[in-house]
Amino acid sequence: MAYYELYRRSTLGMTLTDALDEMVTTGELTPTIAMKVLAQFDKFMNGALKSLKTKLSFKGDLETYRFCDNVWTFMLKNVTFDVSGPGGDKRAASVDRLKIVACDGKAVLGV
């Protein structure tokens, strides 16, 4: 089964990709092994978020939205977040701009 590669563009994913590129360049890893590591990263990241007990709600002004190839993209501005964690821990945050990319988690992806 193939997994979404969205998290490769996160800070963690970009750092992993940079490290793997360096290791392939220096001959420490083969490109095949590096791709297998990235595939495991995709699989883990897609599954890891299911087990979180933290709740997040947010409000903002919808600037634009798009739906293409079963992927929603939302651009928001003036966004405020309310985060509730285990044990009643609550926090708030705000950002000027936010981009959300959402995919169907039940979709079967082709390789």
C-alpha atoms as a PDB file:
ATOM      1  CA  MET A   1       0.000   0.000   0.000  1.00  0.00           C
ATOM      2  CA  ALA A   2       1.261   3.494  -0.819  1.00  0.00           C
ATOM      3  CA  TYR A   3       0.947   6.360   1.650  1.00  0.00           C
ATOM      4  CA  TYR A   4       0.555  10.092   1.239  1.00  0.00           C
ATOM      5  CA  GLU A   5       3.873  11.915   1.056  1.00  0.00           C
ATOM      6  CA  LEU A   6       2.541  15.165   2.572  1.00  0.00           C
ATOM      7  CA  TYR A   7       4.708  14.995   5.673  1.00  0.00           C
ATOM      8  CA  ARG A   8       7.918  15.000   3.616  1.00  0.00           C
ATOM      9  CA  ARG A   9       7.428  18.767   3.279  1.00  0.00           C
ATOM     10  CA  SER A  10       7.272  19.217   7.070  1.00  0.00           C
ATOM     11  CA  THR A  11      10.361  20.382   8.950  1.00  0.00           C
ATOM     12  CA  LEU A  12      11.011  16.823  10.103  1.00  0.00           C
ATOM     13  CA  GLY A  13      10.523  15.398   6.612  1.00  0.00           C
ATOM     14  CA  MET A  14      12.786  17.997   4.965  1.00  0.00           C
ATOM     15  CA  THR A  15      15.496  17.359   7.559  1.00  0.00           C
ATOM     16  CA  LEU A  16      15.274  13.608   6.986  1.00  0.00           C
ATOM     17  CA  THR A  17      15.419  14.097   3.206  1.00  0.00           C
ATOM     18  CA  ASP A  18      18.477  16.360   3.505  1.00  0.00           C
ATOM     19  CA  ALA A  19      20.253  13.834   5.737  1.00  0.00           C
ATOM     20  CA  LEU A  20      19.454  10.957   3.375  1.00  0.00           C
ATOM     21  CA  ASP A  21      20.629  12.986   0.363  1.00  0.00           C
ATOM     22  CA  GLU A  22      23.917  13.686   2.100  1.00  0.00           C
ATOM     23  CA  MET A  23      24.359  10.019   2.984  1.00  0.00           C
ATOM     24  CA  VAL A  24      23.661   8.952  -0.603  1.00  0.00           C
ATOM     25  CA  THR A  25      26.111  11.586  -1.914  1.00  0.00           C
ATOM     26  CA  THR A  26      28.886  10.378   0.406  1.00  0.00           C
ATOM     27  CA  GLY A  27      28.184   6.735  -0.439  1.00  0.00           C
ATOM     28  CA  GLU A  28      26.980   5.747   3.030  1.00  0.00           C
ATOM     29  CA  LEU A  29      23.569   4.694   1.635  1.00  0.00           C
ATOM     30  CA  THR A  30      22.297   3.537  -1.716  1.00  0.00           C
ATOM     31  CA  PRO A  31      19.446   5.483  -3.305  1.00  0.00           C
ATOM     32  CA  THR A  32      17.252   2.387  -2.944  1.00  0.00           C
ATOM     33  CA  ILE A  33      17.763   2.259   0.821  1.00  0.00           C
ATOM     34  CA  ALA A  34      17.106   6.018   1.097  1.00  0.00           C
ATOM     35  CA  MET A  35      13.799   5.616  -0.745  1.00  0.00           C
ATOM     36  CA  LYS A  36      12.832   2.741   1.561  1.00  0.00           C
ATOM     37  CA  VAL A  37      13.556   4.950   4.590  1.00  0.00           C
ATOM     38  CA  LEU A  38      11.318   7.692   3.138  1.00  0.00           C
ATOM     39  CA  ALA A  39       8.566   5.132   2.464  1.00  0.00           C
ATOM     40  CA  GLN A  40       8.750   4.020   6.126  1.00  0.00           C
ATOM     41  CA  PHE A  41       8.609   7.679   7.202  1.00  0.00           C
ATOM     42  CA  ASP A  42       5.441   8.162   5.110  1.00  0.00           C
ATOM     43  CA  LYS A  43       3.861   5.052   6.618  1.00  0.00           C
ATOM     44  CA  PHE A  44       4.739   6.044  10.182  1.00  0.00           C
ATOM     45  CA  MET A  45       3.610   9.664   9.886  1.00  0.00           C
ATOM     46  CA  ASN A  46       0.291   8.687   8.317  1.00  0.00           C
ATOM     47  CA  GLY A  47      -0.383   6.294  11.206  1.00  0.00           C
ATOM     48  CA  ALA A  48       1.157   8.206  14.130  1.00  0.00           C
ATOM     49  CA  LEU A  49      -1.375  11.016  14.163  1.00  0.00           C
ATOM     50  CA  LYS A  50      -4.262   8.585  14.710  1.00  0.00           C
ATOM     51  CA  SER A  51      -3.203   7.819  18.288  1.00  0.00           C
ATOM     52  CA  LEU A  52      -3.010  11.408  19.561  1.00  0.00           C
ATOM     53  CA  LYS A  53      -5.364  12.405  22.365  1.00  0.00           C
ATOM     54  CA  THR A  54      -4.948  16.140  21.810  1.00  0.00           C
ATOM     55  CA  LYS A  55      -7.862  18.151  20.412  1.00  0.00           C
ATOM     56  CA  LEU A  56      -7.362  21.202  18.242  1.00  0.00           C
ATOM     57  CA  SER A  57      -9.906  23.767  17.166  1.00  0.00           C
ATOM     58  CA  PHE A  58      -9.262  26.869  15.128  1.00  0.00           C
ATOM     59  CA  LYS A  59     -11.019  29.903  13.688  1.00  0.00           C
ATOM     60  CA  GLY A  60      -9.921  32.141  10.863  1.00  0.00           C
ATOM     61  CA  ASP A  61     -10.922  33.978   7.721  1.00  0.00           C
ATOM     62  CA  LEU A  62     -11.096  31.723   4.665  1.00  0.00           C
ATOM     63  CA  GLU A  63      -9.153  33.398   1.884  1.00  0.00           C
ATOM     64  CA  THR A  64      -9.251  30.696  -0.829  1.00  0.00           C
ATOM     65  CA  TYR A  65     -10.006  27.010  -1.180  1.00  0.00           C
ATOM     66  CA  ARG A  66      -9.460  24.418  -3.879  1.00  0.00           C
ATOM     67  CA  PHE A  67     -10.452  20.781  -4.482  1.00  0.00           C
ATOM     68  CA  CYS A  68      -8.404  18.872  -7.041  1.00  0.00           C
ATOM     69  CA  ASP A  69      -7.652  15.138  -7.369  1.00  0.00           C
ATOM     70  CA  ASN A  70      -9.361  14.352  -4.037  1.00  0.00           C
ATOM     71  CA  VAL A  71      -7.177  16.891  -2.210  1.00  0.00           C
ATOM     72  CA  TRP A  72      -8.605  19.954  -0.451  1.00  0.00           C
ATOM     73  CA  THR A  73      -6.377  23.003   0.002  1.00  0.00           C
ATOM     74  CA  PHE A  74      -7.496  25.856   2.261  1.00  0.00           C
ATOM     75  CA  MET A  75      -5.732  29.194   2.696  1.00  0.00           C
ATOM     76  CA  LEU A  76      -6.742  31.048   5.877  1.00  0.00           C
ATOM     77  CA  LYS A  77      -5.669  34.302   7.512  1.00  0.00           C
ATOM     78  CA  ASN A  78      -5.905  35.634  11.072  1.00  0.00           C
ATOM     79  CA  VAL A  79      -6.137  32.137  12.560  1.00  0.00           C
ATOM     80  CA  THR A  80      -6.467  31.400  16.276  1.00  0.00           C
ATOM     81  CA  PHE A  81      -5.966  27.924  17.745  1.00  0.00           C
ATOM     82  CA  ASP A  82      -7.267  26.358  20.943  1.00  0.00           C
ATOM     83  CA  VAL A  83      -5.443  23.171  21.945  1.00  0.00           C
ATOM     84  CA  SER A  84      -6.709  20.791  24.659  1.00  0.00           C
ATOM     85  CA  GLY A  85      -4.355  18.041  25.753  1.00  0.00           C
ATOM     86  CA  PRO A  86      -4.599  15.088  28.114  1.00  0.00           C
ATOM     87  CA  GLY A  87      -5.143  16.045  31.734  1.00  0.00           C
ATOM     88  CA  GLY A  88      -7.003  19.238  30.903  1.00  0.00           C
ATOM     89  CA  ASP A  89      -3.956  21.129  29.621  1.00  0.00           C
ATOM     90  CA  LYS A  90      -5.171  24.029  27.419  1.00  0.00           C
ATOM     91  CA  ARG A  91      -3.223  26.444  25.248  1.00  0.00           C
ATOM     92  CA  ALA A  92      -3.962  29.111  22.669  1.00  0.00           C
ATOM     93  CA  ALA A  93      -1.960  30.408  19.714  1.00  0.00           C
ATOM     94  CA  SER A  94      -2.463  32.541  16.642  1.00  0.00           C
ATOM     95  CA  VAL A  95      -0.871  32.959  13.202  1.00  0.00           C
ATOM     96  CA  ASP A  96      -1.321  35.466  10.395  1.00  0.00           C
ATOM     97  CA  ARG A  97      -1.638  32.870   7.617  1.00  0.00           C
ATOM     98  CA  LEU A  98      -2.290  29.120   7.478  1.00  0.00           C
ATOM     99  CA  LYS A  99      -2.341  26.593   4.644  1.00  0.00           C
ATOM    100  CA  ILE A 100      -4.218  23.333   5.194  1.00  0.00           C
ATOM    101  CA  VAL A 101      -3.892  20.388   2.809  1.00  0.00           C
ATOM    102  CA  ALA A 102      -6.401  17.590   3.491  1.00  0.00           C
ATOM    103  CA  CYS A 103      -6.624  14.195   1.794  1.00  0.00           C
ATOM    104  CA  ASP A 104      -9.101  11.349   2.159  1.00  0.00           C
ATOM    105  CA  GLY A 105      -7.583   9.046   4.760  1.00  0.00           C
ATOM    106  CA  LYS A 106      -9.591   6.079   3.491  1.00  0.00           C
ATOM    107  CA  ALA A 107      -8.577   6.438  -0.165  1.00  0.00           C
ATOM    108  CA  VAL A 108      -6.576   3.596  -1.656  1.00  0.00           C
ATOM    109  CA  LEU A 109      -3.530   4.984  -3.386  1.00  0.00           C
ATOM    110  CA  GLY A 110      -1.901   3.426  -6.383  1.00  0.00           C
ATOM    111  CA  VAL A 111       1.841   2.968  -6.553  1.00  0.00           C
END
